[in-house]
Amino acid sequence: MDINFELYKIFYHTAKSENFSDASRKLFISQSAVSQSIKSLENKLSVKLFIRKSRQVALTAEGLLLLTHVEQAYNFIKTAENKIMEIQNMDAGEIRIGASDTVCRYHLAPYLEKFNKIYPKIKLHVINRTSSQILNLLNNGLIDLGIVTLPVYDENISVEEFISVQDIFIASYKYRELYGRTIDLTDLSSYPLLMLEKNSSTRRNIDNYFNDMGINATPEIELESVDLLVDFAKIGLGIACVVKESAFESIQKNEIFQVNTSKDLAKRTLGIITNKAVPLSKASSRFIDLIRQVHS
């Protein structure tokens, strides 16, 4: 049975008002339009919904039954409308962001902190994955935006550059013979190397770096965490390749030092990615705007 929702809306207000004229004022329509709509609904349902009195109307048993269900539906709709208004006013909502542990800790955290201060009612969900995994999450609608290493080769994805990052080699003073020197890549590859696992963009950058020089560099230890690489380097387990920011504090404390190489690793560009087919929520748009403002 196909019945216009507007008829149920008029029925609801009439039942709550128990008066056609009061219902017409609330609905901003004429009293005759209310009466005709009720008659139309009664005809479609083949039941009598109201008992007409002089100025008032009373629900029949069928009308009372219908009201219990229509009122529930009406309240659900009003709740949904209110929730949408809260989201539009940034009083509710959430953002799902995909980023690696390193990106989140050393590059994204300040933006998350600032956004939370401005919009404390917006929930922030950060999912830690590699760049390729983040791309898959975005394509499957499981996140609203991601921060990944560029380039991204996917015509369904919008890309906006975020920042450039520099990977460096670090070592403890167990390898003090390297301190202050510029070491050739071939010589560096003879030392025990500590690297991220192969599925990370940082690792791909390192592998390309050595391959371009025709050097086969096999890491002594592979880890999932940049912070663990820094820790392992500090205790002298080898020379680690990490994002510069992750080693800054330990370098300042003279726990480790940066190993200078004859050729620097190429900088990596991080970008903000979104799905072209999925409109951004107001909260997600505001978050990206915040990043743009800081970088402008």
C-alpha atoms as a PDB file:
ATOM      1  CA  MET A   1       0.000   0.000   0.000  1.00  0.00           C
ATOM      2  CA  ASP A   2       1.525   3.290  -1.142  1.00  0.00           C
ATOM      3  CA  ILE A   3       0.409   6.190   1.055  1.00  0.00           C
ATOM      4  CA  ASN A   4       1.951   9.643   0.958  1.00  0.00           C
ATOM      5  CA  PHE A   5       3.846  10.359   4.179  1.00  0.00           C
ATOM      6  CA  GLU A   6       2.257  13.800   4.236  1.00  0.00           C
ATOM      7  CA  LEU A   7      -1.103  12.171   5.027  1.00  0.00           C
ATOM      8  CA  TYR A   8       0.380  10.480   8.079  1.00  0.00           C
ATOM      9  CA  LYS A   9       1.930  13.769   9.151  1.00  0.00           C
ATOM     10  CA  ILE A  10      -1.474  15.477   8.993  1.00  0.00           C
ATOM     11  CA  PHE A  11      -3.070  12.547  10.802  1.00  0.00           C
ATOM     12  CA  TYR A  12      -0.443  12.748  13.553  1.00  0.00           C
ATOM     13  CA  HIS A  13      -0.965  16.465  14.217  1.00  0.00           C
ATOM     14  CA  THR A  14      -4.721  16.131  14.088  1.00  0.00           C
ATOM     15  CA  ALA A  15      -4.673  13.239  16.542  1.00  0.00           C
ATOM     16  CA  LYS A  16      -2.394  15.123  18.928  1.00  0.00           C
ATOM     17  CA  SER A  17      -4.420  18.334  18.644  1.00  0.00           C
ATOM     18  CA  GLU A  18      -7.834  16.603  18.677  1.00  0.00           C
ATOM     19  CA  ASN A  19      -8.951  19.513  16.531  1.00  0.00           C
ATOM     20  CA  PHE A  20      -8.840  20.163  12.787  1.00  0.00           C
ATOM     21  CA  SER A  21      -8.341  23.913  13.137  1.00  0.00           C
ATOM     22  CA  ASP A  22      -5.415  23.534  15.592  1.00  0.00           C
ATOM     23  CA  ALA A  23      -3.798  21.012  13.286  1.00  0.00           C
ATOM     24  CA  SER A  24      -4.199  23.352  10.306  1.00  0.00           C
ATOM     25  CA  ARG A  25      -2.438  26.174  12.181  1.00  0.00           C
ATOM     26  CA  LYS A  26       0.487  23.934  13.127  1.00  0.00           C
ATOM     27  CA  LEU A  27       0.776  22.653   9.563  1.00  0.00           C
ATOM     28  CA  PHE A  28       0.198  26.051   7.900  1.00  0.00           C
ATOM     29  CA  ILE A  29      -2.551  24.654   5.676  1.00  0.00           C
ATOM     30  CA  SER A  30      -6.285  25.268   5.549  1.00  0.00           C
ATOM     31  CA  GLN A  31      -8.760  23.409   7.788  1.00  0.00           C
ATOM     32  CA  SER A  32     -10.449  21.992   4.717  1.00  0.00           C
ATOM     33  CA  ALA A  33      -7.103  20.609   3.501  1.00  0.00           C
ATOM     34  CA  VAL A  34      -6.721  18.840   6.831  1.00  0.00           C
ATOM     35  CA  SER A  35     -10.240  17.404   6.609  1.00  0.00           C
ATOM     36  CA  GLN A  36      -9.729  16.228   3.013  1.00  0.00           C
ATOM     37  CA  SER A  37      -6.398  14.624   3.878  1.00  0.00           C
ATOM     38  CA  ILE A  38      -7.940  12.687   6.762  1.00  0.00           C
ATOM     39  CA  LYS A  39     -10.759  11.482   4.506  1.00  0.00           C
ATOM     40  CA  SER A  40      -8.201  10.415   1.895  1.00  0.00           C
ATOM     41  CA  LEU A  41      -6.215   8.450   4.476  1.00  0.00           C
ATOM     42  CA  GLU A  42      -9.366   6.793   5.805  1.00  0.00           C
ATOM     43  CA  ASN A  43     -10.372   5.779   2.287  1.00  0.00           C
ATOM     44  CA  LYS A  44      -6.950   4.315   1.566  1.00  0.00           C
ATOM     45  CA  LEU A  45      -6.947   2.339   4.818  1.00  0.00           C
ATOM     46  CA  SER A  46     -10.678   1.510   4.582  1.00  0.00           C
ATOM     47  CA  VAL A  47     -11.239   2.437   8.235  1.00  0.00           C
ATOM     48  CA  LYS A  48     -12.674   5.307  10.262  1.00  0.00           C
ATOM     49  CA  LEU A  49      -9.888   7.061  12.157  1.00  0.00           C
ATOM     50  CA  PHE A  50     -11.791   9.838  13.948  1.00  0.00           C
ATOM     51  CA  ILE A  51     -15.139  10.353  15.567  1.00  0.00           C
ATOM     52  CA  ARG A  52     -16.225  13.857  14.607  1.00  0.00           C
ATOM     53  CA  LYS A  53     -17.740  16.032  17.319  1.00  0.00           C
ATOM     54  CA  SER A  54     -18.820  19.664  17.191  1.00  0.00           C
ATOM     55  CA  ARG A  55     -15.386  21.202  17.513  1.00  0.00           C
ATOM     56  CA  GLN A  56     -13.246  18.305  18.597  1.00  0.00           C
ATOM     57  CA  VAL A  57     -12.346  14.934  17.133  1.00  0.00           C
ATOM     58  CA  ALA A  58     -11.613  11.712  18.977  1.00  0.00           C
ATOM     59  CA  LEU A  59      -9.677   8.694  17.764  1.00  0.00           C
ATOM     60  CA  THR A  60     -11.435   5.461  17.000  1.00  0.00           C
ATOM     61  CA  ALA A  61      -9.843   2.188  18.108  1.00  0.00           C
ATOM     62  CA  GLU A  62      -8.260   1.895  14.669  1.00  0.00           C
ATOM     63  CA  GLY A  63      -7.112   5.499  14.860  1.00  0.00           C
ATOM     64  CA  LEU A  64      -5.521   4.919  18.252  1.00  0.00           C
ATOM     65  CA  LEU A  65      -3.697   1.855  16.927  1.00  0.00           C
ATOM     66  CA  LEU A  66      -2.411   3.817  13.947  1.00  0.00           C
ATOM     67  CA  LEU A  67      -1.273   6.689  16.175  1.00  0.00           C
ATOM     68  CA  THR A  68       0.909   4.447  18.339  1.00  0.00           C
ATOM     69  CA  HIS A  69       2.910   3.433  15.268  1.00  0.00           C
ATOM     70  CA  VAL A  70       2.848   6.768  13.439  1.00  0.00           C
ATOM     71  CA  GLU A  71       3.945   8.610  16.582  1.00  0.00           C
ATOM     72  CA  GLN A  72       6.930   6.295  16.975  1.00  0.00           C
ATOM     73  CA  ALA A  73       7.909   6.744  13.332  1.00  0.00           C
ATOM     74  CA  TYR A  74       7.397  10.506  13.544  1.00  0.00           C
ATOM     75  CA  ASN A  75       9.616  10.720  16.628  1.00  0.00           C
ATOM     76  CA  PHE A  76      12.318   8.679  14.914  1.00  0.00           C
ATOM     77  CA  ILE A  77      12.248  11.070  11.969  1.00  0.00           C
ATOM     78  CA  LYS A  78      12.401  14.139  14.216  1.00  0.00           C
ATOM     79  CA  THR A  79      15.302  12.584  16.126  1.00  0.00           C
ATOM     80  CA  ALA A  80      17.119  11.970  12.845  1.00  0.00           C
ATOM     81  CA  GLU A  81      16.482  15.568  11.768  1.00  0.00           C
ATOM     82  CA  ASN A  82      17.838  16.846  15.090  1.00  0.00           C
ATOM     83  CA  LYS A  83      20.910  14.645  14.782  1.00  0.00           C
ATOM     84  CA  ILE A  84      21.545  15.946  11.284  1.00  0.00           C
ATOM     85  CA  MET A  85      21.228  19.511  12.555  1.00  0.00           C
ATOM     86  CA  GLU A  86      23.725  18.722  15.317  1.00  0.00           C
ATOM     87  CA  ILE A  87      26.160  17.378  12.734  1.00  0.00           C
ATOM     88  CA  GLN A  88      25.688  20.451  10.541  1.00  0.00           C
ATOM     89  CA  ASN A  89      26.287  22.666  13.569  1.00  0.00           C
ATOM     90  CA  MET A  90      29.375  20.569  14.518  1.00  0.00           C
ATOM     91  CA  ASP A  91      27.722  19.547  17.791  1.00  0.00           C
ATOM     92  CA  ALA A  92      27.954  15.864  16.867  1.00  0.00           C
ATOM     93  CA  GLY A  93      29.590  13.576  14.347  1.00  0.00           C
ATOM     94  CA  GLU A  94      32.842  11.749  13.788  1.00  0.00           C
ATOM     95  CA  ILE A  95      35.854  11.605  11.503  1.00  0.00           C
ATOM     96  CA  ARG A  96      37.567   8.338  10.595  1.00  0.00           C
ATOM     97  CA  ILE A  97      41.190   8.926   9.603  1.00  0.00           C
ATOM     98  CA  GLY A  98      43.695   6.412   8.300  1.00  0.00           C
ATOM     99  CA  ALA A  99      47.370   7.073   9.050  1.00  0.00           C
ATOM    100  CA  SER A 100      50.494   5.151   9.968  1.00  0.00           C
ATOM    101  CA  ASP A 101      51.749   5.192  13.564  1.00  0.00           C
ATOM    102  CA  THR A 102      54.660   7.418  12.559  1.00  0.00           C
ATOM    103  CA  VAL A 103      52.578   9.899  10.580  1.00  0.00           C
ATOM    104  CA  CYS A 104      50.039  10.079  13.388  1.00  0.00           C
ATOM    105  CA  ARG A 105      52.583  10.635  16.140  1.00  0.00           C
ATOM    106  CA  TYR A 106      54.972  13.037  14.444  1.00  0.00           C
ATOM    107  CA  HIS A 107      52.850  14.873  11.885  1.00  0.00           C
ATOM    108  CA  LEU A 108      49.116  14.468  12.482  1.00  0.00           C
ATOM    109  CA  ALA A 109      48.830  14.720  16.276  1.00  0.00           C
ATOM    110  CA  PRO A 110      49.078  18.549  16.450  1.00  0.00           C
ATOM    111  CA  TYR A 111      46.182  18.905  14.001  1.00  0.00           C
ATOM    112  CA  LEU A 112      44.088  16.390  15.921  1.00  0.00           C
ATOM    113  CA  GLU A 113      44.762  18.285  19.144  1.00  0.00           C
ATOM    114  CA  LYS A 114      43.824  21.649  17.647  1.00  0.00           C
ATOM    115  CA  PHE A 115      40.686  20.281  15.980  1.00  0.00           C
ATOM    116  CA  ASN A 116      39.571  18.667  19.239  1.00  0.00           C
ATOM    117  CA  LYS A 117      39.919  21.992  21.057  1.00  0.00           C
ATOM    118  CA  ILE A 118      37.784  23.771  18.465  1.00  0.00           C
ATOM    119  CA  TYR A 119      35.200  20.990  18.017  1.00  0.00           C
ATOM    120  CA  PRO A 120      35.239  18.910  21.216  1.00  0.00           C
ATOM    121  CA  LYS A 121      31.974  17.124  20.361  1.00  0.00           C
ATOM    122  CA  ILE A 122      33.330  15.565  17.166  1.00  0.00           C
ATOM    123  CA  LYS A 123      34.701  12.063  17.719  1.00  0.00           C
ATOM    124  CA  LEU A 124      38.082  11.361  16.157  1.00  0.00           C
ATOM    125  CA  HIS A 125      38.830   7.779  15.131  1.00  0.00           C
ATOM    126  CA  VAL A 126      42.368   7.121  13.878  1.00  0.00           C
ATOM    127  CA  ILE A 127      43.077   3.767  12.245  1.00  0.00           C
ATOM    128  CA  ASN A 128      46.779   2.902  12.002  1.00  0.00           C
ATOM    129  CA  ARG A 129      47.698   1.142   8.763  1.00  0.00           C
ATOM    130  CA  THR A 130      50.277   1.278   5.960  1.00  0.00           C
ATOM    131  CA  SER A 131      49.648   3.513   2.940  1.00  0.00           C
ATOM    132  CA  SER A 132      48.375   0.653   0.753  1.00  0.00           C
ATOM    133  CA  GLN A 133      46.073  -0.587   3.506  1.00  0.00           C
ATOM    134  CA  ILE A 134      44.725   2.931   4.054  1.00  0.00           C
ATOM    135  CA  LEU A 135      43.918   3.177   0.346  1.00  0.00           C
ATOM    136  CA  ASN A 136      41.940  -0.063   0.564  1.00  0.00           C
ATOM    137  CA  LEU A 137      40.058   1.168   3.638  1.00  0.00           C
ATOM    138  CA  LEU A 138      39.141   4.366   1.818  1.00  0.00           C
ATOM    139  CA  ASN A 139      37.925   2.523  -1.277  1.00  0.00           C
ATOM    140  CA  ASN A 140      35.781   0.295   0.950  1.00  0.00           C
ATOM    141  CA  GLY A 141      34.220   3.252   2.761  1.00  0.00           C
ATOM    142  CA  LEU A 142      35.748   2.359   6.132  1.00  0.00           C
ATOM    143  CA  ILE A 143      37.486   5.724   6.602  1.00  0.00           C
ATOM    144  CA  ASP A 144      36.676   9.283   5.539  1.00  0.00           C
ATOM    145  CA  LEU A 145      40.216  10.337   4.659  1.00  0.00           C
ATOM    146  CA  GLY A 146      43.763   9.070   4.844  1.00  0.00           C
ATOM    147  CA  ILE A 147      47.308  10.361   5.095  1.00  0.00           C
ATOM    148  CA  VAL A 148      49.597   8.318   2.835  1.00  0.00           C
ATOM    149  CA  THR A 149      52.895   8.445   0.996  1.00  0.00           C
ATOM    150  CA  LEU A 150      52.465   9.732  -2.551  1.00  0.00           C
ATOM    151  CA  PRO A 151      52.102   9.010  -5.389  1.00  0.00           C
ATOM    152  CA  VAL A 152      48.734   7.255  -5.403  1.00  0.00           C
ATOM    153  CA  TYR A 153      47.686   5.681  -8.680  1.00  0.00           C
ATOM    154  CA  ASP A 154      43.923   5.410  -8.389  1.00  0.00           C
ATOM    155  CA  GLU A 155      41.547   7.466 -10.528  1.00  0.00           C
ATOM    156  CA  ASN A 156      38.829   7.169  -7.869  1.00  0.00           C
ATOM    157  CA  ILE A 157      40.935   8.980  -5.279  1.00  0.00           C
ATOM    158  CA  SER A 158      41.420  12.715  -4.773  1.00  0.00           C
ATOM    159  CA  VAL A 159      44.905  13.662  -3.609  1.00  0.00           C
ATOM    160  CA  GLU A 160      46.148  16.804  -1.885  1.00  0.00           C
ATOM    161  CA  GLU A 161      49.765  17.228  -0.797  1.00  0.00           C
ATOM    162  CA  PHE A 162      50.273  17.480   2.959  1.00  0.00           C
ATOM    163  CA  ILE A 163      53.984  17.645   3.875  1.00  0.00           C
ATOM    164  CA  SER A 164      57.388  16.309   2.828  1.00  0.00           C
ATOM    165  CA  VAL A 165      59.320  13.995   5.137  1.00  0.00           C
ATOM    166  CA  GLN A 166      62.965  12.980   5.212  1.00  0.00           C
ATOM    167  CA  ASP A 167      64.236   9.507   6.110  1.00  0.00           C
ATOM    168  CA  ILE A 168      67.700   9.334   7.688  1.00  0.00           C
ATOM    169  CA  PHE A 169      70.154   6.758   9.009  1.00  0.00           C
ATOM    170  CA  ILE A 170      70.921   6.747  12.736  1.00  0.00           C
ATOM    171  CA  ALA A 171      73.395   4.866  14.918  1.00  0.00           C
ATOM    172  CA  SER A 172      74.543   4.658  18.518  1.00  0.00           C
ATOM    173  CA  TYR A 173      78.085   5.578  19.543  1.00  0.00           C
ATOM    174  CA  LYS A 174      78.958   1.887  19.298  1.00  0.00           C
ATOM    175  CA  TYR A 175      79.613   2.934  15.690  1.00  0.00           C
ATOM    176  CA  ARG A 176      81.482   6.093  16.637  1.00  0.00           C
ATOM    177  CA  GLU A 177      83.864   5.589  13.700  1.00  0.00           C
ATOM    178  CA  LEU A 178      80.989   6.848  11.527  1.00  0.00           C
ATOM    179  CA  TYR A 179      80.365   9.991  13.562  1.00  0.00           C
ATOM    180  CA  GLY A 180      81.077  13.153  11.590  1.00  0.00           C
ATOM    181  CA  ARG A 181      82.029  11.213   8.467  1.00  0.00           C
ATOM    182  CA  THR A 182      80.273  10.937   5.128  1.00  0.00           C
ATOM    183  CA  ILE A 183      79.986   7.259   4.373  1.00  0.00           C
ATOM    184  CA  ASP A 184      79.685   5.630   0.976  1.00  0.00           C
ATOM    185  CA  LEU A 185      76.558   3.545   0.434  1.00  0.00           C
ATOM    186  CA  THR A 186      78.533   0.406  -0.289  1.00  0.00           C
ATOM    187  CA  ASP A 187      80.323   0.771   3.030  1.00  0.00           C
ATOM    188  CA  LEU A 188      77.039   1.451   4.818  1.00  0.00           C
ATOM    189  CA  SER A 189      75.519  -1.750   3.447  1.00  0.00           C
ATOM    190  CA  SER A 190      78.263  -3.766   5.174  1.00  0.00           C
ATOM    191  CA  TYR A 191      76.935  -2.713   8.574  1.00  0.00           C
ATOM    192  CA  PRO A 192      73.951  -4.416  10.261  1.00  0.00           C
ATOM    193  CA  LEU A 193      70.922  -2.481   9.001  1.00  0.00           C
ATOM    194  CA  LEU A 194      67.632  -2.042  10.850  1.00  0.00           C
ATOM    195  CA  MET A 195      64.609  -1.363   8.627  1.00  0.00           C
ATOM    196  CA  LEU A 196      60.852  -1.389   8.554  1.00  0.00           C
ATOM    197  CA  GLU A 197      59.093  -4.356   7.004  1.00  0.00           C
ATOM    198  CA  LYS A 198      58.743  -4.474   3.232  1.00  0.00           C
ATOM    199  CA  ASN A 199      55.069  -3.461   3.107  1.00  0.00           C
ATOM    200  CA  SER A 200      55.819   0.094   4.276  1.00  0.00           C
ATOM    201  CA  SER A 201      56.422   3.075   1.995  1.00  0.00           C
ATOM    202  CA  THR A 202      59.502   4.016   4.032  1.00  0.00           C
ATOM    203  CA  ARG A 203      61.035   0.610   3.306  1.00  0.00           C
ATOM    204  CA  ARG A 204      60.259   0.899  -0.400  1.00  0.00           C
ATOM    205  CA  ASN A 205      61.996   4.258  -0.410  1.00  0.00           C
ATOM    206  CA  ILE A 206      65.122   2.710   1.142  1.00  0.00           C
ATOM    207  CA  ASP A 207      65.102  -0.276  -1.213  1.00  0.00           C
ATOM    208  CA  ASN A 208      64.813   2.020  -4.232  1.00  0.00           C
ATOM    209  CA  TYR A 209      67.647   4.116  -2.807  1.00  0.00           C
ATOM    210  CA  PHE A 210      70.018   1.154  -2.693  1.00  0.00           C
ATOM    211  CA  ASN A 211      68.781  -0.390  -5.950  1.00  0.00           C
ATOM    212  CA  ASP A 212      69.488   2.854  -7.827  1.00  0.00           C
ATOM    213  CA  MET A 213      73.086   2.547  -6.635  1.00  0.00           C
ATOM    214  CA  GLY A 214      73.254  -1.098  -7.671  1.00  0.00           C
ATOM    215  CA  ILE A 215      73.703  -2.186  -4.061  1.00  0.00           C
ATOM    216  CA  ASN A 216      72.037  -5.229  -2.536  1.00  0.00           C
ATOM    217  CA  ALA A 217      71.315  -4.258   1.075  1.00  0.00           C
ATOM    218  CA  THR A 218      69.708  -6.901   3.274  1.00  0.00           C
ATOM    219  CA  PRO A 219      68.537  -5.726   6.709  1.00  0.00           C
ATOM    220  CA  GLU A 220      69.721  -7.522   9.814  1.00  0.00           C
ATOM    221  CA  ILE A 221      66.425  -6.821  11.578  1.00  0.00           C
ATOM    222  CA  GLU A 222      62.986  -5.850  10.221  1.00  0.00           C
ATOM    223  CA  LEU A 223      60.393  -4.238  12.468  1.00  0.00           C
ATOM    224  CA  GLU A 224      56.873  -2.818  12.182  1.00  0.00           C
ATOM    225  CA  SER A 225      57.516   0.264  14.322  1.00  0.00           C
ATOM    226  CA  VAL A 226      59.770   3.259  13.659  1.00  0.00           C
ATOM    227  CA  ASP A 227      59.976   3.921  17.393  1.00  0.00           C
ATOM    228  CA  LEU A 228      61.299   0.395  17.918  1.00  0.00           C
ATOM    229  CA  LEU A 229      63.901   1.014  15.233  1.00  0.00           C
ATOM    230  CA  VAL A 230      65.088   4.062  17.201  1.00  0.00           C
ATOM    231  CA  ASP A 231      65.187   2.005  20.408  1.00  0.00           C
ATOM    232  CA  PHE A 232      67.126  -0.807  18.739  1.00  0.00           C
ATOM    233  CA  ALA A 233      69.586   1.688  17.273  1.00  0.00           C
ATOM    234  CA  LYS A 234      70.116   3.223  20.727  1.00  0.00           C
ATOM    235  CA  ILE A 235      71.209  -0.123  22.181  1.00  0.00           C
ATOM    236  CA  GLY A 236      73.635  -0.682  19.320  1.00  0.00           C
ATOM    237  CA  LEU A 237      71.918  -3.441  17.359  1.00  0.00           C
ATOM    238  CA  GLY A 238      72.645  -1.747  14.054  1.00  0.00           C
ATOM    239  CA  ILE A 239      72.150   1.306  11.861  1.00  0.00           C
ATOM    240  CA  ALA A 240      68.476   2.181  11.464  1.00  0.00           C
ATOM    241  CA  CYS A 241      66.645   4.055   8.761  1.00  0.00           C
ATOM    242  CA  VAL A 242      63.845   6.162  10.255  1.00  0.00           C
ATOM    243  CA  VAL A 243      61.808   9.310   9.691  1.00  0.00           C
ATOM    244  CA  LYS A 244      63.925  12.228  10.873  1.00  0.00           C
ATOM    245  CA  GLU A 245      61.348  13.501  13.380  1.00  0.00           C
ATOM    246  CA  SER A 246      61.260  10.149  15.172  1.00  0.00           C
ATOM    247  CA  ALA A 247      64.962  10.389  16.029  1.00  0.00           C
ATOM    248  CA  PHE A 248      65.151  14.104  16.831  1.00  0.00           C
ATOM    249  CA  GLU A 249      64.806  13.829  20.614  1.00  0.00           C
ATOM    250  CA  SER A 250      67.319  10.995  20.922  1.00  0.00           C
ATOM    251  CA  ILE A 251      69.807  12.890  18.734  1.00  0.00           C
ATOM    252  CA  GLN A 252      69.408  15.971  20.937  1.00  0.00           C
ATOM    253  CA  LYS A 253      70.189  13.827  23.996  1.00  0.00           C
ATOM    254  CA  ASN A 254      73.309  12.421  22.256  1.00  0.00           C
ATOM    255  CA  GLU A 255      71.934   8.893  22.596  1.00  0.00           C
ATOM    256  CA  ILE A 256      72.376   8.425  18.841  1.00  0.00           C
ATOM    257  CA  PHE A 257      73.677  10.443  15.903  1.00  0.00           C
ATOM    258  CA  GLN A 258      72.712  10.869  12.264  1.00  0.00           C
ATOM    259  CA  VAL A 259      74.891   8.942   9.862  1.00  0.00           C
ATOM    260  CA  ASN A 260      75.820  11.141   6.896  1.00  0.00           C
ATOM    261  CA  THR A 261      75.734   9.361   3.554  1.00  0.00           C
ATOM    262  CA  SER A 262      77.221  10.280   0.197  1.00  0.00           C
ATOM    263  CA  LYS A 263      73.715  10.582  -1.187  1.00  0.00           C
ATOM    264  CA  ASP A 264      70.638  11.561   0.819  1.00  0.00           C
ATOM    265  CA  LEU A 265      67.505   9.503   0.677  1.00  0.00           C
ATOM    266  CA  ALA A 266      64.857  11.081  -1.528  1.00  0.00           C
ATOM    267  CA  LYS A 267      62.235  13.003   0.405  1.00  0.00           C
ATOM    268  CA  ARG A 268      58.787  11.462   0.548  1.00  0.00           C
ATOM    269  CA  THR A 269      55.622  13.521   0.116  1.00  0.00           C
ATOM    270  CA  LEU A 270      52.650  12.721   2.301  1.00  0.00           C
ATOM    271  CA  GLY A 271      49.209  13.477   0.932  1.00  0.00           C
ATOM    272  CA  ILE A 272      45.613  13.666   2.096  1.00  0.00           C
ATOM    273  CA  ILE A 273      43.453  11.237   0.151  1.00  0.00           C
ATOM    274  CA  THR A 274      39.659  11.130  -0.120  1.00  0.00           C
ATOM    275  CA  ASN A 275      37.211   9.117  -2.186  1.00  0.00           C
ATOM    276  CA  LYS A 276      35.814  11.074  -5.144  1.00  0.00           C
ATOM    277  CA  ALA A 277      32.562   9.097  -5.045  1.00  0.00           C
ATOM    278  CA  VAL A 278      31.831   9.833  -1.375  1.00  0.00           C
ATOM    279  CA  PRO A 279      30.940  13.405  -0.317  1.00  0.00           C
ATOM    280  CA  LEU A 280      32.920  14.546   2.693  1.00  0.00           C
ATOM    281  CA  SER A 281      31.049  15.180   5.918  1.00  0.00           C
ATOM    282  CA  LYS A 282      31.133  18.702   7.267  1.00  0.00           C
ATOM    283  CA  ALA A 283      33.464  17.571  10.061  1.00  0.00           C
ATOM    284  CA  SER A 284      35.913  15.955   7.620  1.00  0.00           C
ATOM    285  CA  SER A 285      35.895  19.066   5.427  1.00  0.00           C
ATOM    286  CA  ARG A 286      36.599  21.263   8.448  1.00  0.00           C
ATOM    287  CA  PHE A 287      39.512  19.032   9.468  1.00  0.00           C
ATOM    288  CA  ILE A 288      41.100  19.267   6.009  1.00  0.00           C
ATOM    289  CA  ASP A 289      40.501  23.040   6.031  1.00  0.00           C
ATOM    290  CA  LEU A 290      42.349  23.234   9.349  1.00  0.00           C
ATOM    291  CA  ILE A 291      45.377  21.508   7.807  1.00  0.00           C
ATOM    292  CA  ARG A 292      45.261  23.876   4.821  1.00  0.00           C
ATOM    293  CA  GLN A 293      45.144  26.941   7.081  1.00  0.00           C
ATOM    294  CA  VAL A 294      48.229  25.861   8.996  1.00  0.00           C
ATOM    295  CA  HIS A 295      50.160  25.246   5.766  1.00  0.00           C
ATOM    296  CA  SER A 296      48.972  28.358   3.920  1.00  0.00           C
END
